[in-house]
N, C-alpha and C. Protein backbone atom coordinates (compact mmCIF):
# COMPACT_ATOMS: atom_id res chain seq x y z
N MET A 1 -4.01 -6.14 10.83
CA MET A 1 -3.95 -5.36 9.71
C MET A 1 -2.71 -5.66 8.99
N ILE A 2 -1.62 -5.71 9.61
CA ILE A 2 -0.38 -5.99 9.02
C ILE A 2 -0.38 -7.48 8.52
N GLU A 3 -0.82 -8.40 9.38
CA GLU A 3 -0.88 -9.77 9.09
C GLU A 3 -1.79 -10.12 7.87
N ALA A 4 -2.98 -9.41 7.83
CA ALA A 4 -3.74 -9.56 6.62
C ALA A 4 -3.13 -9.02 5.23
N LEU A 5 -2.22 -7.87 5.37
CA LEU A 5 -1.78 -7.44 4.17
C LEU A 5 -0.63 -8.20 3.77
N LYS A 6 0.24 -8.88 4.84
CA LYS A 6 1.20 -9.90 4.51
C LYS A 6 0.64 -10.94 3.84
N GLN A 7 -0.49 -11.57 4.20
CA GLN A 7 -1.10 -12.77 3.65
C GLN A 7 -1.57 -12.40 2.21
N LYS A 8 -2.14 -11.27 2.00
CA LYS A 8 -2.54 -10.80 0.64
C LYS A 8 -1.26 -10.65 -0.31
N LEU A 9 -0.42 -10.44 0.16
CA LEU A 9 0.94 -10.09 -0.72
C LEU A 9 1.45 -11.57 -0.97
N THR A 10 1.45 -12.38 0.16
CA THR A 10 1.94 -13.69 -0.02
C THR A 10 1.32 -14.56 -0.86
N ASP A 11 -0.05 -14.34 -0.87
CA ASP A 11 -0.99 -15.01 -1.95
C ASP A 11 -0.59 -14.54 -3.42
N GLU A 12 -0.44 -13.37 -3.62
CA GLU A 12 -0.11 -12.68 -5.00
C GLU A 12 1.15 -13.31 -5.46
N ALA A 13 2.07 -13.26 -4.53
CA ALA A 13 3.56 -13.88 -4.73
C ALA A 13 3.40 -15.30 -5.15
N GLU A 14 2.61 -16.05 -4.70
CA GLU A 14 2.67 -17.50 -4.98
C GLU A 14 1.92 -17.74 -6.20
N LYS A 15 0.91 -16.90 -6.48
CA LYS A 15 0.35 -16.97 -7.92
C LYS A 15 1.24 -16.51 -8.88
N LEU A 16 2.29 -15.45 -8.80
CA LEU A 16 3.15 -15.09 -9.70
C LEU A 16 4.12 -16.13 -9.82
N ARG A 17 4.61 -16.70 -8.74
CA ARG A 17 5.73 -17.72 -8.87
C ARG A 17 5.21 -18.86 -9.75
N PHE A 18 3.90 -19.36 -9.51
CA PHE A 18 3.38 -20.40 -10.38
C PHE A 18 3.33 -19.93 -11.84
N GLU A 19 2.77 -18.72 -12.04
CA GLU A 19 2.99 -18.16 -13.46
C GLU A 19 4.26 -18.14 -14.09
N LEU A 20 5.24 -17.86 -13.31
CA LEU A 20 6.76 -17.54 -13.72
C LEU A 20 7.33 -18.97 -14.12
N ASN A 21 7.02 -19.94 -13.10
CA ASN A 21 7.63 -21.19 -13.19
C ASN A 21 6.90 -22.37 -13.95
N VAL A 22 5.67 -22.18 -14.29
CA VAL A 22 4.78 -23.19 -14.93
C VAL A 22 4.20 -22.63 -16.09
N THR A 23 3.49 -21.67 -15.98
CA THR A 23 2.45 -21.05 -17.10
C THR A 23 3.50 -20.52 -18.22
N LEU A 24 4.20 -19.56 -17.90
CA LEU A 24 5.10 -18.76 -18.82
C LEU A 24 6.08 -19.72 -19.65
N PRO A 25 6.72 -20.65 -18.95
CA PRO A 25 7.61 -21.60 -19.74
C PRO A 25 6.86 -22.29 -20.79
N ASN A 26 5.59 -22.70 -20.41
CA ASN A 26 4.87 -23.55 -21.45
C ASN A 26 4.42 -22.52 -22.51
N GLU A 27 4.15 -21.30 -22.38
CA GLU A 27 3.69 -20.39 -23.39
C GLU A 27 5.10 -20.06 -24.14
N ILE A 28 6.06 -19.91 -23.52
CA ILE A 28 7.42 -19.77 -24.35
C ILE A 28 7.70 -20.88 -25.23
N ARG A 29 7.59 -22.12 -24.69
CA ARG A 29 7.84 -23.37 -25.41
C ARG A 29 7.01 -23.33 -26.60
N LYS A 30 5.62 -23.30 -26.47
CA LYS A 30 4.72 -23.19 -27.64
C LYS A 30 5.05 -22.25 -28.61
N ALA A 31 5.46 -21.08 -28.17
CA ALA A 31 5.73 -19.99 -29.21
C ALA A 31 7.05 -20.33 -29.90
N VAL A 32 7.99 -20.83 -29.28
CA VAL A 32 9.23 -21.28 -29.98
C VAL A 32 8.82 -22.37 -31.06
N GLU A 33 7.94 -23.34 -30.74
CA GLU A 33 7.52 -24.36 -31.71
C GLU A 33 6.91 -23.81 -32.88
N LEU A 34 6.42 -22.52 -32.87
CA LEU A 34 5.87 -22.01 -33.86
C LEU A 34 6.78 -21.58 -35.10
N GLY A 35 7.92 -21.30 -34.69
CA GLY A 35 9.03 -21.04 -35.75
C GLY A 35 9.88 -19.75 -35.39
N ASP A 36 10.11 -18.99 -36.50
CA ASP A 36 10.77 -17.96 -36.56
C ASP A 36 10.53 -16.95 -35.32
N LEU A 37 11.46 -16.62 -34.48
CA LEU A 37 11.36 -15.86 -33.24
C LEU A 37 11.37 -14.49 -33.53
N ARG A 38 11.97 -14.02 -34.57
CA ARG A 38 12.04 -12.61 -34.89
C ARG A 38 10.65 -11.93 -35.14
N GLU A 39 9.72 -12.60 -35.62
CA GLU A 39 8.44 -12.03 -35.82
C GLU A 39 7.29 -12.85 -35.26
N ASN A 40 7.50 -13.33 -34.04
CA ASN A 40 6.83 -14.14 -33.40
C ASN A 40 6.14 -13.31 -32.21
N SER A 41 5.04 -12.83 -32.18
CA SER A 41 4.36 -11.95 -31.27
C SER A 41 4.05 -12.78 -30.09
N GLU A 42 3.63 -14.02 -30.14
CA GLU A 42 3.39 -14.71 -29.03
C GLU A 42 4.64 -14.98 -28.18
N TYR A 43 5.77 -15.19 -28.72
CA TYR A 43 7.17 -15.17 -28.16
C TYR A 43 7.33 -13.87 -27.40
N LYS A 44 7.25 -12.86 -28.00
CA LYS A 44 7.53 -11.60 -27.55
C LYS A 44 6.71 -11.19 -26.18
N ALA A 45 5.44 -11.61 -26.44
CA ALA A 45 4.48 -11.27 -25.36
C ALA A 45 4.83 -12.06 -24.14
N ALA A 46 5.06 -13.33 -24.23
CA ALA A 46 5.57 -14.27 -23.11
C ALA A 46 6.62 -13.64 -22.42
N LEU A 47 7.75 -13.23 -23.22
CA LEU A 47 8.87 -12.73 -22.57
C LEU A 47 8.69 -11.43 -21.88
N GLU A 48 7.88 -10.55 -22.49
CA GLU A 48 7.48 -9.30 -21.83
C GLU A 48 6.77 -9.68 -20.48
N ARG A 49 5.87 -10.61 -20.54
CA ARG A 49 5.06 -10.99 -19.20
C ARG A 49 5.97 -11.46 -18.36
N GLN A 50 7.00 -12.46 -18.79
CA GLN A 50 7.89 -12.83 -17.79
C GLN A 50 8.74 -11.91 -17.04
N GLN A 51 9.34 -10.83 -17.91
CA GLN A 51 9.91 -9.65 -17.31
C GLN A 51 9.04 -8.98 -16.32
N PHE A 52 7.71 -8.78 -16.59
CA PHE A 52 6.81 -7.92 -15.75
C PHE A 52 6.76 -8.76 -14.36
N VAL A 53 6.47 -10.19 -14.57
CA VAL A 53 6.22 -11.03 -13.25
C VAL A 53 7.44 -11.03 -12.48
N GLN A 54 8.70 -11.15 -13.06
CA GLN A 54 9.89 -11.01 -12.36
C GLN A 54 10.00 -9.84 -11.55
N ALA A 55 9.62 -8.61 -12.06
CA ALA A 55 9.77 -7.40 -11.51
C ALA A 55 8.67 -7.32 -10.32
N ARG A 56 7.55 -7.64 -10.48
CA ARG A 56 6.45 -7.76 -9.63
C ARG A 56 6.86 -8.49 -8.41
N LEU A 57 7.23 -9.71 -8.67
CA LEU A 57 7.77 -10.60 -7.63
C LEU A 57 8.84 -9.96 -6.66
N GLY A 58 9.80 -9.27 -7.32
CA GLY A 58 10.91 -8.59 -6.74
C GLY A 58 10.23 -7.37 -5.77
N HIS A 59 9.22 -6.69 -6.26
CA HIS A 59 8.61 -5.60 -5.44
C HIS A 59 7.84 -6.17 -4.31
N LEU A 60 7.09 -7.20 -4.60
CA LEU A 60 6.39 -8.04 -3.51
C LEU A 60 7.29 -8.47 -2.35
N THR A 61 8.45 -9.15 -2.75
CA THR A 61 9.25 -9.54 -1.78
C THR A 61 9.82 -8.43 -0.87
N GLN A 62 10.09 -7.37 -1.55
CA GLN A 62 10.72 -6.12 -0.95
C GLN A 62 9.67 -5.63 0.07
N ARG A 63 8.30 -5.64 -0.25
CA ARG A 63 7.22 -5.01 0.56
C ARG A 63 7.10 -6.10 1.81
N LEU A 64 7.14 -7.39 1.47
CA LEU A 64 6.88 -8.31 2.55
C LEU A 64 8.15 -8.36 3.57
N SER A 65 9.32 -7.95 3.07
CA SER A 65 10.41 -7.95 3.90
C SER A 65 10.25 -6.59 4.79
N LYS A 66 9.74 -5.53 4.37
CA LYS A 66 9.49 -4.36 5.07
C LYS A 66 8.42 -4.59 6.07
N LEU A 67 7.35 -5.21 5.65
CA LEU A 67 6.16 -5.54 6.57
C LEU A 67 6.73 -6.54 7.83
N SER A 68 7.59 -7.36 7.70
CA SER A 68 8.13 -8.32 8.53
C SER A 68 8.92 -7.44 9.53
N ALA A 69 9.34 -6.28 9.16
CA ALA A 69 10.32 -5.56 10.07
C ALA A 69 9.47 -4.67 11.08
N ILE A 70 8.23 -4.61 10.83
CA ILE A 70 7.41 -3.77 11.60
C ILE A 70 7.00 -4.27 12.91
N ASP A 71 7.16 -3.83 14.00
CA ASP A 71 6.77 -4.40 15.35
C ASP A 71 5.66 -3.46 15.80
N GLU A 72 4.45 -4.12 15.80
CA GLU A 72 3.24 -3.51 16.27
C GLU A 72 3.39 -2.69 17.81
N SER A 73 4.14 -3.28 18.43
CA SER A 73 4.24 -2.72 19.85
C SER A 73 4.87 -1.45 19.89
N GLN A 74 5.65 -1.16 18.82
CA GLN A 74 6.27 0.15 18.57
C GLN A 74 5.38 1.14 18.01
N ILE A 75 4.23 0.97 17.69
CA ILE A 75 3.24 1.87 17.10
C ILE A 75 2.59 2.53 18.23
N ALA A 76 2.58 4.06 18.10
CA ALA A 76 1.95 4.73 19.23
C ALA A 76 0.53 4.36 19.54
N THR A 77 0.11 4.39 20.79
CA THR A 77 -1.18 4.04 21.25
C THR A 77 -2.05 5.41 21.48
N ASP A 78 -1.34 6.56 21.36
CA ASP A 78 -2.12 7.72 21.65
C ASP A 78 -1.95 8.80 20.59
N ALA A 79 -1.36 8.39 19.47
CA ALA A 79 -1.04 9.43 18.52
C ALA A 79 -1.35 8.69 17.17
N VAL A 80 -1.39 9.38 16.02
CA VAL A 80 -1.57 8.71 14.76
C VAL A 80 -0.42 8.17 14.12
N GLY A 81 -0.48 6.79 13.83
CA GLY A 81 0.45 5.92 13.15
C GLY A 81 -0.15 5.07 12.31
N MET A 82 0.56 3.99 11.91
CA MET A 82 0.04 2.96 10.88
C MET A 82 -1.11 2.53 11.35
N GLY A 83 -2.22 2.38 10.54
CA GLY A 83 -3.35 1.67 11.02
C GLY A 83 -4.32 2.71 11.59
N SER A 84 -4.10 3.94 11.98
CA SER A 84 -4.91 4.58 12.76
C SER A 84 -6.06 5.26 11.69
N LYS A 85 -7.30 5.24 12.38
CA LYS A 85 -8.29 6.14 11.72
C LYS A 85 -8.41 7.47 12.48
N VAL A 86 -8.46 8.32 11.63
CA VAL A 86 -8.26 9.75 12.09
C VAL A 86 -9.49 10.62 11.64
N VAL A 87 -10.19 11.34 12.49
CA VAL A 87 -11.20 12.27 12.02
C VAL A 87 -10.61 13.73 12.44
N VAL A 88 -10.69 14.55 11.22
CA VAL A 88 -10.03 15.92 11.41
C VAL A 88 -11.09 16.92 11.14
N GLU A 89 -10.94 18.18 11.59
CA GLU A 89 -11.92 19.19 11.27
C GLU A 89 -11.11 20.29 10.82
N ASP A 90 -11.58 20.94 9.49
CA ASP A 90 -11.04 21.96 9.06
C ASP A 90 -11.26 23.28 9.98
N THR A 91 -10.39 23.96 10.33
CA THR A 91 -10.74 25.09 11.35
C THR A 91 -11.40 26.19 10.62
N THR A 92 -11.37 26.21 9.45
CA THR A 92 -11.99 27.32 8.54
C THR A 92 -13.28 26.98 8.41
N THR A 93 -13.44 25.78 7.58
CA THR A 93 -14.99 25.45 7.16
C THR A 93 -15.72 24.65 8.26
N LYS A 94 -15.00 24.04 9.13
CA LYS A 94 -15.65 23.22 10.03
C LYS A 94 -16.05 21.89 9.53
N ALA A 95 -15.71 21.53 8.32
CA ALA A 95 -16.02 20.41 7.58
C ALA A 95 -15.02 19.22 8.32
N LYS A 96 -15.68 18.07 8.42
CA LYS A 96 -15.16 16.97 8.99
C LYS A 96 -14.59 15.95 7.88
N GLU A 97 -13.32 15.50 8.13
CA GLU A 97 -12.81 14.36 7.06
C GLU A 97 -12.38 13.33 7.88
N SER A 98 -12.52 12.03 7.25
CA SER A 98 -11.97 10.73 8.10
C SER A 98 -10.95 10.24 7.17
N TYR A 99 -9.76 9.75 7.73
CA TYR A 99 -8.67 9.24 7.06
C TYR A 99 -8.28 8.09 7.72
N HIS A 100 -7.95 6.92 7.06
CA HIS A 100 -7.41 5.79 7.44
C HIS A 100 -5.85 5.51 7.00
N MET A 101 -4.89 5.63 7.95
CA MET A 101 -3.62 5.45 7.57
C MET A 101 -3.20 4.10 7.22
N ILE A 102 -2.62 4.00 6.00
CA ILE A 102 -2.19 2.56 5.65
C ILE A 102 -0.66 2.67 4.99
N PHE A 103 -0.18 1.47 4.98
CA PHE A 103 1.18 1.21 4.60
C PHE A 103 1.67 2.05 3.42
N GLY A 104 2.99 2.67 3.56
CA GLY A 104 3.35 3.55 2.58
C GLY A 104 3.29 3.34 1.14
N ASP A 105 3.35 2.11 0.63
CA ASP A 105 3.36 1.84 -0.78
C ASP A 105 2.05 0.96 -1.19
N ALA A 106 1.10 1.08 -0.45
CA ALA A 106 -0.04 0.19 -0.82
C ALA A 106 -0.59 0.47 -2.29
N GLU A 107 -1.25 -0.32 -3.01
CA GLU A 107 -1.53 -0.05 -4.27
C GLU A 107 -3.14 -0.03 -4.41
N ASP A 108 -3.95 -0.65 -3.57
CA ASP A 108 -5.31 -0.77 -3.60
C ASP A 108 -5.93 0.29 -2.46
N PHE A 109 -6.52 1.54 -2.92
CA PHE A 109 -6.97 2.30 -2.13
C PHE A 109 -8.46 2.34 -1.86
N ASP A 110 -9.04 2.34 -0.62
CA ASP A 110 -10.44 2.55 -0.53
C ASP A 110 -10.66 4.04 -0.02
N ASP A 111 -11.96 4.42 -0.25
CA ASP A 111 -12.18 5.77 0.08
C ASP A 111 -11.66 6.16 1.52
N GLY A 112 -11.07 7.33 1.51
CA GLY A 112 -10.43 7.64 2.88
C GLY A 112 -9.23 7.26 3.18
N GLN A 113 -8.71 6.23 2.50
CA GLN A 113 -7.36 5.90 3.07
C GLN A 113 -6.22 6.55 2.43
N VAL A 114 -5.21 6.90 3.21
CA VAL A 114 -4.00 7.54 2.88
C VAL A 114 -2.79 6.88 3.37
N THR A 115 -1.71 7.05 2.42
CA THR A 115 -0.52 6.50 2.92
C THR A 115 0.28 7.35 3.81
N MET A 116 1.10 6.89 4.51
CA MET A 116 1.81 7.47 5.78
C MET A 116 2.77 8.48 4.89
N SER A 117 3.23 8.17 3.69
CA SER A 117 4.13 9.04 2.90
C SER A 117 3.57 10.04 2.18
N SER A 118 2.01 10.22 2.06
CA SER A 118 1.53 11.25 1.39
C SER A 118 1.58 12.38 2.18
N PRO A 119 1.27 13.64 1.57
CA PRO A 119 1.47 14.89 2.31
C PRO A 119 0.54 15.02 3.49
N ILE A 120 -0.66 14.53 3.27
CA ILE A 120 -1.60 14.52 4.53
C ILE A 120 -1.26 13.38 5.47
N GLY A 121 -0.76 12.32 5.01
CA GLY A 121 -0.23 11.36 5.88
C GLY A 121 0.98 11.85 6.61
N ARG A 122 1.95 12.39 6.09
CA ARG A 122 3.00 13.22 6.75
C ARG A 122 2.72 14.05 7.79
N ALA A 123 1.65 14.91 7.50
CA ALA A 123 1.38 15.94 8.38
C ALA A 123 0.44 15.43 9.49
N LEU A 124 -0.34 14.31 9.34
CA LEU A 124 -0.96 13.74 10.64
C LEU A 124 -0.22 12.82 11.31
N LEU A 125 0.93 12.22 10.90
CA LEU A 125 1.62 11.21 11.57
C LEU A 125 2.15 11.86 12.94
N GLY A 126 2.06 11.20 14.08
CA GLY A 126 2.44 11.49 15.44
C GLY A 126 1.41 12.57 16.14
N LYS A 127 0.47 12.88 15.40
CA LYS A 127 -0.56 14.00 16.16
C LYS A 127 -1.36 13.26 16.91
N LYS A 128 -1.93 14.00 18.11
CA LYS A 128 -2.73 13.45 18.98
C LYS A 128 -4.10 14.25 18.95
N VAL A 129 -5.20 13.68 19.75
CA VAL A 129 -6.31 14.36 19.58
C VAL A 129 -6.33 15.79 20.34
N GLY A 130 -6.85 16.78 19.35
CA GLY A 130 -6.74 18.14 19.99
C GLY A 130 -5.80 18.85 19.24
N GLU A 131 -4.65 18.28 18.77
CA GLU A 131 -3.53 18.93 18.22
C GLU A 131 -4.05 19.61 16.54
N LEU A 132 -3.34 20.54 16.40
CA LEU A 132 -3.64 21.16 15.15
C LEU A 132 -2.57 20.60 14.07
N VAL A 133 -3.06 20.50 12.89
CA VAL A 133 -2.13 20.05 11.84
C VAL A 133 -2.16 21.08 10.63
N LEU A 134 -1.00 21.39 10.32
CA LEU A 134 -0.81 22.37 9.06
C LEU A 134 -0.52 21.70 7.91
N LEU A 135 -1.39 21.45 6.92
CA LEU A 135 -1.24 20.84 5.78
C LEU A 135 -0.87 21.84 4.54
N LYS A 136 0.22 21.88 4.04
CA LYS A 136 0.67 22.77 3.26
C LYS A 136 0.55 22.22 1.85
N LEU A 137 -0.43 23.03 1.14
CA LEU A 137 -0.85 22.67 -0.30
C LEU A 137 -0.15 23.71 -1.28
N PRO A 138 -0.20 23.30 -2.64
CA PRO A 138 0.40 24.44 -3.53
C PRO A 138 -0.27 25.64 -3.40
N THR A 139 -1.57 25.71 -3.27
CA THR A 139 -2.31 27.05 -3.37
C THR A 139 -2.64 27.52 -1.96
N MET A 140 -2.53 26.73 -1.00
CA MET A 140 -2.90 27.23 0.43
C MET A 140 -2.42 26.41 1.56
N THR A 141 -2.53 26.86 2.59
CA THR A 141 -2.25 26.00 3.84
C THR A 141 -3.45 25.81 4.55
N ARG A 142 -3.82 24.49 4.88
CA ARG A 142 -5.19 24.22 5.60
C ARG A 142 -4.66 23.82 7.09
N LYS A 143 -5.51 24.30 8.02
CA LYS A 143 -5.39 24.10 9.46
C LYS A 143 -6.51 23.05 9.73
N LEU A 144 -5.98 21.80 10.24
CA LEU A 144 -6.97 20.75 10.66
C LEU A 144 -6.76 20.38 12.09
N LYS A 145 -7.69 20.17 12.70
CA LYS A 145 -7.65 19.72 14.12
C LYS A 145 -8.13 18.33 14.25
N VAL A 146 -7.29 17.43 14.85
CA VAL A 146 -7.63 16.19 15.19
C VAL A 146 -8.71 16.08 16.26
N VAL A 147 -9.88 15.49 15.77
CA VAL A 147 -10.88 15.49 16.86
C VAL A 147 -11.21 14.02 17.25
N LYS A 148 -10.76 13.02 16.55
CA LYS A 148 -10.96 11.73 16.99
C LYS A 148 -9.89 10.79 16.46
N LEU A 149 -9.44 9.86 17.19
CA LEU A 149 -8.38 8.94 16.79
C LEU A 149 -8.72 7.61 17.41
N THR A 150 -8.54 6.80 16.32
CA THR A 150 -8.67 5.19 16.68
C THR A 150 -7.37 4.60 16.21
N THR A 151 -6.50 4.00 17.11
CA THR A 151 -5.22 3.41 16.69
C THR A 151 -5.29 2.09 16.43
N ILE A 152 -4.47 1.56 15.77
CA ILE A 152 -4.45 -0.08 15.49
C ILE A 152 -4.69 -0.88 16.72
N HIS A 153 -4.32 -0.35 17.87
CA HIS A 153 -4.37 -1.11 19.22
C HIS A 153 -5.70 -1.00 19.76
N ASP A 154 -6.64 0.02 19.39
CA ASP A 154 -7.90 0.31 19.96
C ASP A 154 -8.99 -0.45 19.27
N ASP A 155 -8.62 -0.55 17.92
CA ASP A 155 -9.68 -1.10 16.96
C ASP A 155 -9.52 -2.44 16.59
N THR A 156 -10.18 -3.56 17.07
CA THR A 156 -10.00 -4.93 16.60
C THR A 156 -10.51 -5.08 15.11
N GLU A 157 -11.20 -4.17 14.61
CA GLU A 157 -11.56 -4.16 13.17
C GLU A 157 -10.39 -4.00 12.29
N LEU A 158 -9.39 -3.23 12.77
CA LEU A 158 -8.28 -2.80 11.95
C LEU A 158 -7.14 -4.13 11.81
N LEU A 159 -7.22 -4.91 12.99
CA LEU A 159 -6.31 -6.02 12.98
C LEU A 159 -6.57 -7.17 12.10
């Protein structure tokens, strides 16, 4: 899971570096050739895109650095942690919900994925099967019971 995410971010960073170092300089050069830069929308658009790409590259570099610091052997094997798939049951309604814990600042979410920094993620983190989780919401407090847990170590699909 961590390696796949690192590869995805690395691929995106490589595309952005190419755009920053090859594509955008060509666009800026062409826009400069058009003349007056004060009213040159192509030039302004290329500069804005350049700033965006630089900021995104900085963000990706930071995320890759954080991911590289994660030691999978330090992730709990019997409690909710990064990469865990958790099934909880609401003690009031008996409804079951499934969650997949993902890295804190992920940008693409599939159904049922939650970040560990979200309220539900923070509430579930470190819980074991059978434990109660109190999820404090603005209008109420939900009581959830962990009924099933698959950690990153158990499920080869997650890796």
